[in-house]
Amino acid sequence: MSCPSLKHRFEEEHRKGISFERAVEIHQDVEGSVAAHRAELQELKNQGGEKERIDHLQEHIREGEELLQEIRSMKLH
């Protein structure tokens, strides 16, 4: 699943009241997505891929990293 989709899912669930377990699951999904995007990005760069595709992947990685930071900064009450 893409980072923007995961961000949307997280925001929806967070508004409704997300459980710790669910936040951890989404965090793991985002980590996997970011890792896959990084691998794809490296492959594209090595092959001299299209700038638009490279920029697109970099944006997904940035969004994923921001979401990871947001989840990591959550506080339990």
Protein backbone atom coordinates (compact mmCIF):
# COMPACT_ATOMS: atom_id res chain seq x y z
CA MET A 1 0.00 0.00 0.00
CA SER A 2 1.28 3.46 -0.80
CA CYS A 3 2.36 5.98 1.82
CA PRO A 4 -0.44 8.45 0.96
CA SER A 5 -3.04 5.67 1.35
CA LEU A 6 -1.57 4.65 4.68
CA LYS A 7 -1.54 8.27 5.83
CA HIS A 8 -5.22 8.61 4.94
CA ARG A 9 -6.04 5.39 6.80
CA PHE A 10 -4.08 6.53 9.86
CA GLU A 11 -5.75 9.95 9.91
CA GLU A 12 -9.22 8.37 9.63
CA GLU A 13 -8.57 5.92 12.45
CA HIS A 14 -6.80 8.53 14.58
CA ARG A 15 -9.87 10.79 14.39
CA LYS A 16 -12.08 7.93 15.55
CA GLY A 17 -9.67 6.88 18.31
CA ILE A 18 -6.86 4.58 17.29
CA SER A 19 -5.62 1.75 19.48
CA PHE A 20 -1.95 1.28 20.28
CA GLU A 21 -1.99 -2.05 18.45
CA ARG A 22 -3.48 -0.49 15.32
CA ALA A 23 -0.96 2.38 15.38
CA VAL A 24 1.86 -0.19 15.56
CA GLU A 25 0.38 -2.12 12.61
CA ILE A 26 0.16 1.02 10.49
CA HIS A 27 3.69 2.01 11.54
CA GLN A 28 4.99 -1.36 10.35
CA ASP A 29 3.09 -1.04 7.06
CA VAL A 30 4.54 2.43 6.50
CA GLU A 31 8.07 1.23 7.26
CA GLY A 32 7.64 -1.52 4.66
CA SER A 33 6.23 0.90 2.12
CA VAL A 34 9.07 3.39 2.62
CA ALA A 35 11.65 0.60 2.32
CA ALA A 36 10.05 -0.60 -0.93
CA HIS A 37 9.97 2.94 -2.30
CA ARG A 38 13.63 3.45 -1.41
CA ALA A 39 14.62 0.22 -3.17
CA GLU A 40 12.61 1.18 -6.24
CA LEU A 41 14.10 4.68 -6.18
CA GLN A 42 17.65 3.32 -6.02
CA GLU A 43 16.92 0.98 -8.93
CA LEU A 44 15.47 3.84 -10.99
CA LYS A 45 18.49 6.03 -10.27
CA ASN A 46 20.88 3.22 -11.21
CA GLN A 47 19.03 2.74 -14.51
CA GLY A 48 18.75 6.46 -15.25
CA GLY A 49 14.98 6.43 -14.78
CA GLU A 50 12.52 9.19 -15.55
CA LYS A 51 12.84 12.30 -13.42
CA GLU A 52 9.07 12.45 -12.87
CA ARG A 53 9.01 8.90 -11.48
CA ILE A 54 12.02 9.62 -9.27
CA ASP A 55 10.37 12.80 -7.95
CA HIS A 56 7.13 10.90 -7.35
CA LEU A 57 8.89 8.21 -5.31
CA GLN A 58 10.82 10.82 -3.33
CA GLU A 59 7.52 12.48 -2.44
CA HIS A 60 6.06 9.17 -1.26
CA ILE A 61 9.15 8.56 0.85
CA ARG A 62 8.90 12.04 2.37
CA GLU A 63 5.22 11.51 3.21
CA GLY A 64 5.98 8.10 4.69
CA GLU A 65 8.80 9.46 6.85
CA GLU A 66 6.54 12.25 8.11
CA LEU A 67 3.84 9.74 9.02
CA LEU A 68 6.36 7.54 10.83
CA GLN A 69 7.48 10.57 12.84
CA GLU A 70 3.88 11.46 13.65
CA ILE A 71 3.14 7.94 14.89
CA ARG A 72 6.38 7.85 16.92
CA SER A 73 5.47 11.14 18.61
CA MET A 74 2.04 9.91 19.77
CA LYS A 75 1.45 9.87 23.52
CA LEU A 76 -0.56 7.30 25.42
CA HIS A 77 -3.03 8.69 27.91
